[in-house]
């Protein structure tokens, strides 16, 4: 549970735990708001409750997650969806001894075999036949929200975190990091996709800037320093709990002070991330592997 090293607001920590416990569905999973259970909020909730020591509720959530594995080793967003997607990366952040060693191994294998369509050999051949030069950021393998789509910053960041934590897929982790560095906005930070669109520089967004910085833990360069400055500015101005949580994780990943308004969580994902930020502040993060 919370102690003095968790951060300045124990009330928000306990508020977050109570929100997760009160919203757990009878089947063990969690909804986004209400109704059926979904993989994304369930994975975040299990990670958070396990970190907070709420093992009974986390265990019920684990049972729901384990039951959702697909034949290809990945996870769909919800029961009844017949395709594995990026949420497999969230599930793969669960420790193997919790998820199950074999299920975890299959999730990692699914991640290492998935990439955005812009790096597909057939897509590249078509572009070459059309005389279209690939922009620099399309030379690196990232991860899409769903197979067959283009790679984006969010799912790429989650996949990097999962693979690096598992100490697996080193080549894909390096490609993913290069993908993020190539898609960094001119001002510092990241938006959801490309750094440029229709010939114009894109603007960075708080959430994705925090996610990318967390995934780039251990990178050292002028570009990273610029992104940290942008994240610090975003955090000081943040009025979104989701943005503040990811920005804090991004700053903590680079051993920088994560100061800013402590925004109360309103959603299940915000509550989960708030708990995980508290764990990271006391040196125990579910997101990072051995890279220093």
C-alpha atoms as a PDB file:
ATOM      1  CA  UNK A   1       0.000   0.000   0.000  1.00  0.00           C
ATOM      2  CA  UNK A   2       0.921   3.668  -0.014  1.00  0.00           C
ATOM      3  CA  UNK A   3       3.769   5.008   2.102  1.00  0.00           C
ATOM      4  CA  UNK A   4       5.523   8.356   2.310  1.00  0.00           C
ATOM      5  CA  UNK A   5       7.739   7.575  -0.684  1.00  0.00           C
ATOM      6  CA  UNK A   6       4.747   7.118  -3.025  1.00  0.00           C
ATOM      7  CA  UNK A   7       4.281  10.817  -3.712  1.00  0.00           C
ATOM      8  CA  UNK A   8       2.412  13.792  -2.339  1.00  0.00           C
ATOM      9  CA  UNK A   9      -1.179  12.544  -2.553  1.00  0.00           C
ATOM     10  CA  UNK A  10      -2.130   9.310  -0.732  1.00  0.00           C
ATOM     11  CA  UNK A  11      -5.798  10.236  -1.107  1.00  0.00           C
ATOM     12  CA  UNK A  12      -5.572   9.914  -4.892  1.00  0.00           C
ATOM     13  CA  UNK A  13      -3.777   6.585  -4.504  1.00  0.00           C
ATOM     14  CA  UNK A  14      -6.555   5.151  -2.349  1.00  0.00           C
ATOM     15  CA  UNK A  15      -9.227   6.776  -4.522  1.00  0.00           C
ATOM     16  CA  UNK A  16      -7.735   4.991  -7.521  1.00  0.00           C
ATOM     17  CA  UNK A  17      -7.735   1.610  -5.769  1.00  0.00           C
ATOM     18  CA  UNK A  18     -11.342   2.007  -4.643  1.00  0.00           C
ATOM     19  CA  UNK A  19     -12.424   2.951  -8.162  1.00  0.00           C
ATOM     20  CA  UNK A  20     -10.845  -0.197  -9.615  1.00  0.00           C
ATOM     21  CA  UNK A  21     -12.268  -2.478  -6.940  1.00  0.00           C
ATOM     22  CA  UNK A  22     -15.757  -1.028  -7.301  1.00  0.00           C
ATOM     23  CA  UNK A  23     -15.837  -1.334 -11.099  1.00  0.00           C
ATOM     24  CA  UNK A  24     -14.636  -4.940 -11.477  1.00  0.00           C
ATOM     25  CA  UNK A  25     -17.207  -6.995 -13.355  1.00  0.00           C
ATOM     26  CA  UNK A  26     -18.556 -10.312 -12.000  1.00  0.00           C
ATOM     27  CA  UNK A  27     -16.554 -12.129 -14.711  1.00  0.00           C
ATOM     28  CA  UNK A  28     -13.309 -10.706 -13.248  1.00  0.00           C
ATOM     29  CA  UNK A  29     -12.572  -8.184 -16.004  1.00  0.00           C
ATOM     30  CA  UNK A  30     -13.141  -4.459 -16.262  1.00  0.00           C
ATOM     31  CA  UNK A  31     -15.127  -2.238 -18.656  1.00  0.00           C
ATOM     32  CA  UNK A  32     -13.969   1.090 -20.028  1.00  0.00           C
ATOM     33  CA  UNK A  33     -16.831   2.761 -18.179  1.00  0.00           C
ATOM     34  CA  UNK A  34     -19.573   0.177 -17.605  1.00  0.00           C
ATOM     35  CA  UNK A  35     -20.837  -2.961 -19.309  1.00  0.00           C
ATOM     36  CA  UNK A  36     -18.765  -5.730 -20.838  1.00  0.00           C
ATOM     37  CA  UNK A  37     -15.152  -6.382 -19.922  1.00  0.00           C
ATOM     38  CA  UNK A  38     -12.389  -5.303 -22.307  1.00  0.00           C
ATOM     39  CA  UNK A  39      -8.753  -6.354 -22.448  1.00  0.00           C
ATOM     40  CA  UNK A  40      -7.160  -2.894 -22.245  1.00  0.00           C
ATOM     41  CA  UNK A  41      -8.736  -1.681 -18.979  1.00  0.00           C
ATOM     42  CA  UNK A  42      -8.482  -5.188 -17.530  1.00  0.00           C
ATOM     43  CA  UNK A  43      -4.734  -5.451 -18.207  1.00  0.00           C
ATOM     44  CA  UNK A  44      -4.094  -2.004 -16.735  1.00  0.00           C
ATOM     45  CA  UNK A  45      -6.232  -2.818 -13.689  1.00  0.00           C
ATOM     46  CA  UNK A  46      -4.464  -6.125 -13.012  1.00  0.00           C
ATOM     47  CA  UNK A  47      -1.044  -4.479 -13.314  1.00  0.00           C
ATOM     48  CA  UNK A  48      -2.110  -1.733 -10.917  1.00  0.00           C
ATOM     49  CA  UNK A  49      -3.850  -3.896  -8.323  1.00  0.00           C
ATOM     50  CA  UNK A  50      -0.961  -6.364  -8.262  1.00  0.00           C
ATOM     51  CA  UNK A  51       1.434  -3.449  -7.683  1.00  0.00           C
ATOM     52  CA  UNK A  52      -0.839  -2.181  -4.877  1.00  0.00           C
ATOM     53  CA  UNK A  53      -1.011  -5.556  -3.157  1.00  0.00           C
ATOM     54  CA  UNK A  54      -4.686  -6.197  -3.980  1.00  0.00           C
ATOM     55  CA  UNK A  55      -3.953  -9.750  -5.065  1.00  0.00           C
ATOM     56  CA  UNK A  56      -7.454 -11.231  -4.800  1.00  0.00           C
ATOM     57  CA  UNK A  57      -9.011  -8.799  -7.269  1.00  0.00           C
ATOM     58  CA  UNK A  58      -5.906  -9.000  -9.468  1.00  0.00           C
ATOM     59  CA  UNK A  59      -6.170 -12.796  -9.473  1.00  0.00           C
ATOM     60  CA  UNK A  60      -9.761 -12.730 -10.688  1.00  0.00           C
ATOM     61  CA  UNK A  61      -8.721 -10.332 -13.427  1.00  0.00           C
ATOM     62  CA  UNK A  62      -5.871 -12.627 -14.418  1.00  0.00           C
ATOM     63  CA  UNK A  63      -8.281 -15.511 -14.862  1.00  0.00           C
ATOM     64  CA  UNK A  64     -10.387 -13.397 -17.215  1.00  0.00           C
ATOM     65  CA  UNK A  65      -7.311 -12.350 -19.203  1.00  0.00           C
ATOM     66  CA  UNK A  66      -5.916 -15.885 -19.466  1.00  0.00           C
ATOM     67  CA  UNK A  67      -9.222 -17.127 -20.843  1.00  0.00           C
ATOM     68  CA  UNK A  68      -9.011 -14.580 -23.679  1.00  0.00           C
ATOM     69  CA  UNK A  69      -5.843 -15.828 -25.366  1.00  0.00           C
ATOM     70  CA  UNK A  70      -6.317 -16.483 -29.074  1.00  0.00           C
ATOM     71  CA  UNK A  71      -4.881 -19.389 -31.114  1.00  0.00           C
ATOM     72  CA  UNK A  72      -2.144 -17.121 -32.530  1.00  0.00           C
ATOM     73  CA  UNK A  73      -0.915 -16.268 -29.029  1.00  0.00           C
ATOM     74  CA  UNK A  74      -2.300 -12.732 -28.982  1.00  0.00           C
ATOM     75  CA  UNK A  75      -5.304 -11.050 -27.398  1.00  0.00           C
ATOM     76  CA  UNK A  76      -8.297  -9.328 -28.956  1.00  0.00           C
ATOM     77  CA  UNK A  77      -9.747  -6.097 -27.534  1.00  0.00           C
ATOM     78  CA  UNK A  78     -12.837  -7.974 -26.313  1.00  0.00           C
ATOM     79  CA  UNK A  79     -14.336 -11.453 -26.341  1.00  0.00           C
ATOM     80  CA  UNK A  80     -15.978 -12.033 -29.704  1.00  0.00           C
ATOM     81  CA  UNK A  81     -13.450 -10.001 -31.699  1.00  0.00           C
ATOM     82  CA  UNK A  82     -11.705 -12.407 -34.052  1.00  0.00           C
ATOM     83  CA  UNK A  83      -8.323 -10.685 -34.336  1.00  0.00           C
ATOM     84  CA  UNK A  84      -5.380 -10.130 -32.016  1.00  0.00           C
ATOM     85  CA  UNK A  85      -4.322  -6.489 -31.666  1.00  0.00           C
ATOM     86  CA  UNK A  86      -1.948  -4.142 -29.840  1.00  0.00           C
ATOM     87  CA  UNK A  87      -3.493  -5.017 -26.454  1.00  0.00           C
ATOM     88  CA  UNK A  88      -1.275  -8.115 -26.572  1.00  0.00           C
ATOM     89  CA  UNK A  89       1.565  -5.767 -25.594  1.00  0.00           C
ATOM     90  CA  UNK A  90      -0.281  -4.727 -22.444  1.00  0.00           C
ATOM     91  CA  UNK A  91      -0.900  -8.352 -21.510  1.00  0.00           C
ATOM     92  CA  UNK A  92       2.787  -9.133 -22.126  1.00  0.00           C
ATOM     93  CA  UNK A  93       3.707  -6.536 -19.467  1.00  0.00           C
ATOM     94  CA  UNK A  94       2.312  -8.935 -16.884  1.00  0.00           C
ATOM     95  CA  UNK A  95       5.093 -10.982 -15.259  1.00  0.00           C
ATOM     96  CA  UNK A  96       5.367 -14.531 -16.668  1.00  0.00           C
ATOM     97  CA  UNK A  97       4.860 -16.058 -13.219  1.00  0.00           C
ATOM     98  CA  UNK A  98       1.487 -14.288 -13.018  1.00  0.00           C
ATOM     99  CA  UNK A  99       0.234 -14.656 -16.562  1.00  0.00           C
ATOM    100  CA  UNK A 100       1.777 -18.090 -17.056  1.00  0.00           C
ATOM    101  CA  UNK A 101       5.128 -18.763 -18.679  1.00  0.00           C
ATOM    102  CA  UNK A 102       3.708 -20.357 -21.826  1.00  0.00           C
ATOM    103  CA  UNK A 103       1.054 -17.672 -22.357  1.00  0.00           C
ATOM    104  CA  UNK A 104       3.673 -14.973 -21.851  1.00  0.00           C
ATOM    105  CA  UNK A 105       6.052 -16.626 -24.318  1.00  0.00           C
ATOM    106  CA  UNK A 106       3.303 -16.786 -26.944  1.00  0.00           C
ATOM    107  CA  UNK A 107       2.420 -13.121 -26.388  1.00  0.00           C
ATOM    108  CA  UNK A 108       6.048 -12.096 -26.898  1.00  0.00           C
ATOM    109  CA  UNK A 109       6.242 -14.218 -30.056  1.00  0.00           C
ATOM    110  CA  UNK A 110       3.102 -12.487 -31.403  1.00  0.00           C
ATOM    111  CA  UNK A 111       4.678  -9.088 -30.757  1.00  0.00           C
ATOM    112  CA  UNK A 112       7.943  -9.929 -32.486  1.00  0.00           C
ATOM    113  CA  UNK A 113       6.060 -11.134 -35.573  1.00  0.00           C
ATOM    114  CA  UNK A 114       3.862  -8.024 -35.928  1.00  0.00           C
ATOM    115  CA  UNK A 115       4.735  -4.731 -37.634  1.00  0.00           C
ATOM    116  CA  UNK A 116       3.113  -1.835 -39.470  1.00  0.00           C
ATOM    117  CA  UNK A 117       2.057  -2.277 -43.087  1.00  0.00           C
ATOM    118  CA  UNK A 118       4.432   0.454 -44.298  1.00  0.00           C
ATOM    119  CA  UNK A 119       7.371  -1.902 -43.713  1.00  0.00           C
ATOM    120  CA  UNK A 120       5.676  -4.855 -45.398  1.00  0.00           C
ATOM    121  CA  UNK A 121       7.774  -5.965 -48.431  1.00  0.00           C
ATOM    122  CA  UNK A 122       4.717  -5.996 -50.718  1.00  0.00           C
ATOM    123  CA  UNK A 123       3.759  -2.455 -49.676  1.00  0.00           C
ATOM    124  CA  UNK A 124       7.314  -1.254 -50.255  1.00  0.00           C
ATOM    125  CA  UNK A 125       7.424  -2.904 -53.681  1.00  0.00           C
ATOM    126  CA  UNK A 126       4.186  -1.187 -54.677  1.00  0.00           C
ATOM    127  CA  UNK A 127       5.537   2.163 -53.524  1.00  0.00           C
ATOM    128  CA  UNK A 128       8.752   1.592 -55.486  1.00  0.00           C
ATOM    129  CA  UNK A 129       6.805   0.678 -58.644  1.00  0.00           C
ATOM    130  CA  UNK A 130       4.818   3.898 -58.236  1.00  0.00           C
ATOM    131  CA  UNK A 131       8.034   5.892 -57.910  1.00  0.00           C
ATOM    132  CA  UNK A 132       7.237   6.927 -54.350  1.00  0.00           C
ATOM    133  CA  UNK A 133      10.208   7.462 -52.042  1.00  0.00           C
ATOM    134  CA  UNK A 134       9.611   6.233 -48.503  1.00  0.00           C
ATOM    135  CA  UNK A 135      10.040   8.959 -45.861  1.00  0.00           C
ATOM    136  CA  UNK A 136      12.835   8.274 -43.346  1.00  0.00           C
ATOM    137  CA  UNK A 137      10.449   7.291 -40.547  1.00  0.00           C
ATOM    138  CA  UNK A 138       9.040   4.441 -42.643  1.00  0.00           C
ATOM    139  CA  UNK A 139      12.371   2.637 -42.755  1.00  0.00           C
ATOM    140  CA  UNK A 140      11.953   1.317 -39.207  1.00  0.00           C
ATOM    141  CA  UNK A 141       9.648  -1.352 -37.814  1.00  0.00           C
ATOM    142  CA  UNK A 142       6.950  -0.100 -35.479  1.00  0.00           C
ATOM    143  CA  UNK A 143       3.709  -1.631 -34.255  1.00  0.00           C
ATOM    144  CA  UNK A 144       0.135  -0.952 -35.428  1.00  0.00           C
ATOM    145  CA  UNK A 145      -3.081  -0.824 -33.436  1.00  0.00           C
ATOM    146  CA  UNK A 146      -4.194  -3.844 -35.462  1.00  0.00           C
ATOM    147  CA  UNK A 147      -2.482  -6.090 -38.037  1.00  0.00           C
ATOM    148  CA  UNK A 148      -2.527  -4.721 -41.574  1.00  0.00           C
ATOM    149  CA  UNK A 149      -2.571  -1.074 -40.464  1.00  0.00           C
ATOM    150  CA  UNK A 150       0.218   1.486 -40.224  1.00  0.00           C
ATOM    151  CA  UNK A 151       2.420   1.676 -37.142  1.00  0.00           C
ATOM    152  CA  UNK A 152       1.739   4.343 -34.516  1.00  0.00           C
ATOM    153  CA  UNK A 153       3.572   5.788 -31.531  1.00  0.00           C
ATOM    154  CA  UNK A 154       1.240   4.390 -28.823  1.00  0.00           C
ATOM    155  CA  UNK A 155       1.290   0.667 -29.677  1.00  0.00           C
ATOM    156  CA  UNK A 156       4.975   0.889 -30.597  1.00  0.00           C
ATOM    157  CA  UNK A 157       5.802   2.299 -27.159  1.00  0.00           C
ATOM    158  CA  UNK A 158       3.818  -0.412 -25.367  1.00  0.00           C
ATOM    159  CA  UNK A 159       5.404  -3.190 -27.459  1.00  0.00           C
ATOM    160  CA  UNK A 160       8.918  -1.876 -26.754  1.00  0.00           C
ATOM    161  CA  UNK A 161       8.208  -1.778 -23.020  1.00  0.00           C
ATOM    162  CA  UNK A 162       6.893  -5.345 -23.060  1.00  0.00           C
ATOM    163  CA  UNK A 163       9.753  -6.802 -25.114  1.00  0.00           C
ATOM    164  CA  UNK A 164      12.453  -5.008 -23.177  1.00  0.00           C
ATOM    165  CA  UNK A 165      10.959  -6.009 -19.852  1.00  0.00           C
ATOM    166  CA  UNK A 166      10.945  -9.617 -21.083  1.00  0.00           C
ATOM    167  CA  UNK A 167      14.561  -9.225 -22.278  1.00  0.00           C
ATOM    168  CA  UNK A 168      13.476 -10.599 -25.645  1.00  0.00           C
ATOM    169  CA  UNK A 169      13.401  -9.388 -29.250  1.00  0.00           C
ATOM    170  CA  UNK A 170      16.435  -7.108 -28.935  1.00  0.00           C
ATOM    171  CA  UNK A 171      16.541  -6.392 -32.681  1.00  0.00           C
ATOM    172  CA  UNK A 172      12.852  -5.412 -32.723  1.00  0.00           C
ATOM    173  CA  UNK A 173      13.340  -3.208 -29.660  1.00  0.00           C
ATOM    174  CA  UNK A 174      16.162  -1.375 -31.427  1.00  0.00           C
ATOM    175  CA  UNK A 175      14.031  -0.964 -34.564  1.00  0.00           C
ATOM    176  CA  UNK A 176      11.139   0.290 -32.450  1.00  0.00           C
ATOM    177  CA  UNK A 177      13.344   2.825 -30.718  1.00  0.00           C
ATOM    178  CA  UNK A 178      14.630   4.059 -34.076  1.00  0.00           C
ATOM    179  CA  UNK A 179      11.002   4.296 -35.230  1.00  0.00           C
ATOM    180  CA  UNK A 180      10.201   6.574 -32.295  1.00  0.00           C
ATOM    181  CA  UNK A 181      13.316   8.709 -32.705  1.00  0.00           C
ATOM    182  CA  UNK A 182      12.594   9.156 -36.418  1.00  0.00           C
ATOM    183  CA  UNK A 183       9.019  10.278 -35.682  1.00  0.00           C
ATOM    184  CA  UNK A 184       9.847  12.838 -33.032  1.00  0.00           C
ATOM    185  CA  UNK A 185       8.270  16.244 -33.693  1.00  0.00           C
ATOM    186  CA  UNK A 186      10.496  19.197 -34.464  1.00  0.00           C
ATOM    187  CA  UNK A 187       9.482  20.941 -31.222  1.00  0.00           C
ATOM    188  CA  UNK A 188      10.387  17.857 -29.174  1.00  0.00           C
ATOM    189  CA  UNK A 189       7.900  15.188 -28.162  1.00  0.00           C
ATOM    190  CA  UNK A 190       5.566  12.990 -30.182  1.00  0.00           C
ATOM    191  CA  UNK A 191       2.090  13.011 -31.622  1.00  0.00           C
ATOM    192  CA  UNK A 192       0.138   9.871 -32.497  1.00  0.00           C
ATOM    193  CA  UNK A 193       1.795   9.134 -35.842  1.00  0.00           C
ATOM    194  CA  UNK A 194       4.112  10.948 -38.223  1.00  0.00           C
ATOM    195  CA  UNK A 195       6.124  14.036 -37.312  1.00  0.00           C
ATOM    196  CA  UNK A 196       4.968  15.663 -40.557  1.00  0.00           C
ATOM    197  CA  UNK A 197       1.651  15.611 -42.424  1.00  0.00           C
ATOM    198  CA  UNK A 198       0.851  17.205 -45.786  1.00  0.00           C
ATOM    199  CA  UNK A 199       4.204  18.965 -45.724  1.00  0.00           C
ATOM    200  CA  UNK A 200       3.732  20.576 -42.307  1.00  0.00           C
ATOM    201  CA  UNK A 201       5.438  19.843 -38.999  1.00  0.00           C
ATOM    202  CA  UNK A 202       3.119  18.092 -36.563  1.00  0.00           C
ATOM    203  CA  UNK A 203       2.542  19.182 -32.979  1.00  0.00           C
ATOM    204  CA  UNK A 204       3.474  16.983 -30.046  1.00  0.00           C
ATOM    205  CA  UNK A 205       0.801  15.621 -27.699  1.00  0.00           C
ATOM    206  CA  UNK A 206       1.252  15.081 -23.935  1.00  0.00           C
ATOM    207  CA  UNK A 207       0.164  11.427 -23.661  1.00  0.00           C
ATOM    208  CA  UNK A 208       2.228  10.108 -26.541  1.00  0.00           C
ATOM    209  CA  UNK A 209       5.230  12.184 -25.510  1.00  0.00           C
ATOM    210  CA  UNK A 210       5.165  10.505 -22.107  1.00  0.00           C
ATOM    211  CA  UNK A 211       4.671   7.044 -23.612  1.00  0.00           C
ATOM    212  CA  UNK A 212       7.552   7.427 -26.051  1.00  0.00           C
ATOM    213  CA  UNK A 213       9.902   8.760 -23.370  1.00  0.00           C
ATOM    214  CA  UNK A 214       9.048   5.783 -21.154  1.00  0.00           C
ATOM    215  CA  UNK A 215       9.830   3.414 -24.037  1.00  0.00           C
ATOM    216  CA  UNK A 216      13.109   5.250 -24.733  1.00  0.00           C
ATOM    217  CA  UNK A 217      14.422   4.791 -21.215  1.00  0.00           C
ATOM    218  CA  UNK A 218      18.221   4.825 -21.265  1.00  0.00           C
ATOM    219  CA  UNK A 219      18.538   6.717 -24.571  1.00  0.00           C
ATOM    220  CA  UNK A 220      20.800   9.738 -24.339  1.00  0.00           C
ATOM    221  CA  UNK A 221      20.925  12.406 -27.028  1.00  0.00           C
ATOM    222  CA  UNK A 222      20.099  16.038 -27.753  1.00  0.00           C
ATOM    223  CA  UNK A 223      16.770  14.849 -29.172  1.00  0.00           C
ATOM    224  CA  UNK A 224      15.886  13.156 -25.898  1.00  0.00           C
ATOM    225  CA  UNK A 225      16.870  16.269 -23.938  1.00  0.00           C
ATOM    226  CA  UNK A 226      14.562  18.336 -26.144  1.00  0.00           C
ATOM    227  CA  UNK A 227      11.724  15.860 -25.654  1.00  0.00           C
ATOM    228  CA  UNK A 228      12.223  15.969 -21.870  1.00  0.00           C
ATOM    229  CA  UNK A 229      11.959  19.763 -21.947  1.00  0.00           C
ATOM    230  CA  UNK A 230       8.692  19.465 -23.877  1.00  0.00           C
ATOM    231  CA  UNK A 231       7.389  16.837 -21.447  1.00  0.00           C
ATOM    232  CA  UNK A 232       8.263  19.050 -18.491  1.00  0.00           C
ATOM    233  CA  UNK A 233       6.318  21.932 -20.034  1.00  0.00           C
ATOM    234  CA  UNK A 234       3.350  19.683 -20.776  1.00  0.00           C
ATOM    235  CA  UNK A 235       3.342  18.349 -17.216  1.00  0.00           C
ATOM    236  CA  UNK A 236       3.393  21.808 -15.675  1.00  0.00           C
ATOM    237  CA  UNK A 237       0.353  22.754 -17.777  1.00  0.00           C
ATOM    238  CA  UNK A 238      -1.510  19.419 -17.648  1.00  0.00           C
ATOM    239  CA  UNK A 239      -5.171  19.254 -16.692  1.00  0.00           C
ATOM    240  CA  UNK A 240      -5.603  15.657 -17.880  1.00  0.00           C
ATOM    241  CA  UNK A 241      -4.922  12.757 -15.523  1.00  0.00           C
ATOM    242  CA  UNK A 242      -4.040  10.454 -18.431  1.00  0.00           C
ATOM    243  CA  UNK A 243      -1.531  12.975 -19.791  1.00  0.00           C
ATOM    244  CA  UNK A 244      -0.066  13.696 -16.351  1.00  0.00           C
ATOM    245  CA  UNK A 245       0.372   9.987 -15.591  1.00  0.00           C
ATOM    246  CA  UNK A 246       2.206   9.184 -18.818  1.00  0.00           C
ATOM    247  CA  UNK A 247       4.304  12.335 -18.599  1.00  0.00           C
ATOM    248  CA  UNK A 248       5.362  11.418 -15.069  1.00  0.00           C
ATOM    249  CA  UNK A 249       6.321   7.923 -16.200  1.00  0.00           C
ATOM    250  CA  UNK A 250       8.284   9.387 -19.110  1.00  0.00           C
ATOM    251  CA  UNK A 251      10.162  11.790 -16.856  1.00  0.00           C
ATOM    252  CA  UNK A 252      10.848   9.117 -14.231  1.00  0.00           C
ATOM    253  CA  UNK A 253      12.242   6.852 -16.968  1.00  0.00           C
ATOM    254  CA  UNK A 254      14.982   9.434 -17.499  1.00  0.00           C
ATOM    255  CA  UNK A 255      15.516  10.191 -13.799  1.00  0.00           C
ATOM    256  CA  UNK A 256      14.043  13.675 -14.103  1.00  0.00           C
ATOM    257  CA  UNK A 257      11.772  15.399 -11.558  1.00  0.00           C
ATOM    258  CA  UNK A 258       8.134  14.695 -12.409  1.00  0.00           C
ATOM    259  CA  UNK A 259       6.482  17.739 -10.886  1.00  0.00           C
ATOM    260  CA  UNK A 260       3.111  19.117 -11.854  1.00  0.00           C
ATOM    261  CA  UNK A 261      -0.541  19.175 -10.877  1.00  0.00           C
ATOM    262  CA  UNK A 262      -1.813  15.894  -9.404  1.00  0.00           C
ATOM    263  CA  UNK A 263      -5.015  15.514 -11.414  1.00  0.00           C
ATOM    264  CA  UNK A 264      -7.704  13.250  -9.874  1.00  0.00           C
ATOM    265  CA  UNK A 265      -8.466  10.160 -11.991  1.00  0.00           C
ATOM    266  CA  UNK A 266     -11.869   9.937 -13.640  1.00  0.00           C
ATOM    267  CA  UNK A 267     -11.550   6.747 -15.685  1.00  0.00           C
ATOM    268  CA  UNK A 268     -10.402   3.219 -14.888  1.00  0.00           C
ATOM    269  CA  UNK A 269      -7.280   3.620 -17.031  1.00  0.00           C
ATOM    270  CA  UNK A 270      -6.374   6.882 -15.282  1.00  0.00           C
ATOM    271  CA  UNK A 271      -6.848   5.226 -11.885  1.00  0.00           C
ATOM    272  CA  UNK A 272      -4.649   2.280 -12.903  1.00  0.00           C
ATOM    273  CA  UNK A 273      -1.889   4.506 -14.235  1.00  0.00           C
ATOM    274  CA  UNK A 274      -2.005   6.663 -11.100  1.00  0.00           C
ATOM    275  CA  UNK A 275      -1.267   3.573  -9.002  1.00  0.00           C
ATOM    276  CA  UNK A 276       1.533   2.528 -11.368  1.00  0.00           C
ATOM    277  CA  UNK A 277       3.050   6.022 -11.230  1.00  0.00           C
ATOM    278  CA  UNK A 278       3.121   5.746  -7.433  1.00  0.00           C
ATOM    279  CA  UNK A 279       4.926   2.404  -7.729  1.00  0.00           C
ATOM    280  CA  UNK A 280       7.452   3.901 -10.167  1.00  0.00           C
ATOM    281  CA  UNK A 281       8.056   6.826  -7.815  1.00  0.00           C
ATOM    282  CA  UNK A 282       9.160   4.392  -5.125  1.00  0.00           C
ATOM    283  CA  UNK A 283      11.379   2.498  -7.576  1.00  0.00           C
ATOM    284  CA  UNK A 284       9.111  -0.393  -8.551  1.00  0.00           C
ATOM    285  CA  UNK A 285       7.800  -0.080 -12.091  1.00  0.00           C
ATOM    286  CA  UNK A 286       5.972  -2.711 -14.125  1.00  0.00           C
ATOM    287  CA  UNK A 287       7.000  -0.971 -17.331  1.00  0.00           C
ATOM    288  CA  UNK A 288      10.782  -1.143 -17.421  1.00  0.00           C
ATOM    289  CA  UNK A 289      13.337  -3.876 -17.819  1.00  0.00           C
ATOM    290  CA  UNK A 290      17.001  -3.808 -16.901  1.00  0.00           C
ATOM    291  CA  UNK A 291      18.050  -0.835 -19.075  1.00  0.00           C
ATOM    292  CA  UNK A 292      19.338   1.951 -16.813  1.00  0.00           C
END
